[in-house]
Amino acid sequence: MENSYRFFDNKACQYFPCHKGLENFNCLFCYCPMYLMEHCPGKTEYIEKDGKRIKNFMNCTFPHQPGNYDKIIQILGN
């Protein structure tokens, strides 16, 4: 895929890819824009640390799948 406003891959990033298993890895949403949402469409898991409940995105690839761009924009627009 070509870099555009809907897709960007940064293969020079020291963390690329931050998740394994995707052929076309979209870095556009490097930091998940749905982080603050209690319920998001990705595979969110929670961990306890120092008595706090923290989201763990290690197994979530939803924002990095190129086909989910429109879904994310729709969710953020609501």
Protein backbone atom coordinates (compact mmCIF):
# COMPACT_ATOMS: atom_id res chain seq x y z
CA MET A 1 0.00 0.00 0.00
CA GLU A 2 1.12 3.55 -0.62
CA ASN A 3 1.41 6.12 2.14
CA SER A 4 -1.57 8.47 2.11
CA TYR A 5 -3.97 10.23 4.47
CA ARG A 6 -5.56 6.79 5.15
CA PHE A 7 -2.42 4.70 5.49
CA PHE A 8 1.14 5.27 6.64
CA ASP A 9 3.86 2.81 7.53
CA ASN A 10 7.01 3.93 9.26
CA LYS A 11 9.43 1.06 8.76
CA ALA A 12 12.26 3.24 10.09
CA CYS A 13 10.60 3.38 13.53
CA GLN A 14 12.55 1.51 16.20
CA TYR A 15 9.31 -0.15 17.33
CA PHE A 16 8.07 -1.22 13.87
CA PRO A 17 6.07 -3.33 13.92
CA CYS A 18 4.80 -2.92 17.45
CA HIS A 19 2.39 -5.82 16.86
CA LYS A 20 3.10 -9.03 14.94
CA GLY A 21 0.94 -10.77 12.36
CA LEU A 22 -0.19 -8.03 9.97
CA GLU A 23 0.92 -7.93 6.35
CA ASN A 24 0.05 -4.25 5.74
CA PHE A 25 0.75 -2.46 9.02
CA ASN A 26 -0.83 0.99 9.34
CA CYS A 27 1.11 3.32 11.65
CA LEU A 28 -1.32 6.22 11.12
CA PHE A 29 -2.94 5.54 14.49
CA CYS A 30 0.30 4.74 16.30
CA TYR A 31 -1.24 5.98 19.53
CA CYS A 32 -4.75 4.56 19.69
CA PRO A 33 -7.30 7.40 19.35
CA MET A 34 -9.84 5.23 21.19
CA TYR A 35 -7.67 4.76 24.29
CA LEU A 36 -9.99 6.71 26.58
CA MET A 37 -13.10 4.83 25.45
CA GLU A 38 -14.39 2.26 27.91
CA HIS A 39 -15.64 0.06 25.07
CA CYS A 40 -13.79 0.07 21.78
CA PRO A 41 -13.92 -2.36 18.83
CA GLY A 42 -10.39 -3.61 19.36
CA LYS A 43 -9.13 -6.46 21.50
CA THR A 44 -8.65 -4.61 24.76
CA GLU A 45 -7.42 -6.36 27.85
CA TYR A 46 -6.94 -4.92 31.30
CA ILE A 47 -4.16 -5.39 33.81
CA GLU A 48 -3.86 -4.33 37.42
CA LYS A 49 -0.81 -2.30 38.36
CA ASP A 50 -0.28 -0.51 41.64
CA GLY A 51 -3.99 -0.87 42.39
CA LYS A 52 -5.02 0.72 39.08
CA ARG A 53 -6.85 -0.85 36.14
CA ILE A 54 -4.86 -0.15 32.98
CA LYS A 55 -5.67 -0.95 29.35
CA ASN A 56 -3.24 -3.35 27.72
CA PHE A 57 -3.12 -3.16 23.92
CA MET A 58 -0.37 -5.68 23.29
CA ASN A 59 -2.79 -8.01 21.47
CA CYS A 60 -4.88 -5.33 19.75
CA THR A 61 -4.22 -4.65 16.07
CA PHE A 62 -7.54 -2.95 15.23
CA PRO A 63 -6.14 0.57 14.57
CA HIS A 64 -3.25 -0.89 12.55
CA GLN A 65 -5.43 -2.78 10.05
CA PRO A 66 -5.74 -0.60 6.91
CA GLY A 67 -9.38 -1.57 6.37
CA ASN A 68 -10.43 -0.08 9.72
CA TYR A 69 -9.69 3.56 8.87
CA ASP A 70 -13.34 4.39 8.06
CA LYS A 71 -14.60 2.58 11.18
CA ILE A 72 -12.23 4.56 13.41
CA ILE A 73 -13.19 7.89 11.82
CA GLN A 74 -16.88 7.03 12.26
CA ILE A 75 -16.37 6.11 15.93
CA LEU A 76 -14.43 9.31 16.63
CA GLY A 77 -17.15 11.39 14.94
CA ASN A 78 -19.87 10.19 17.28
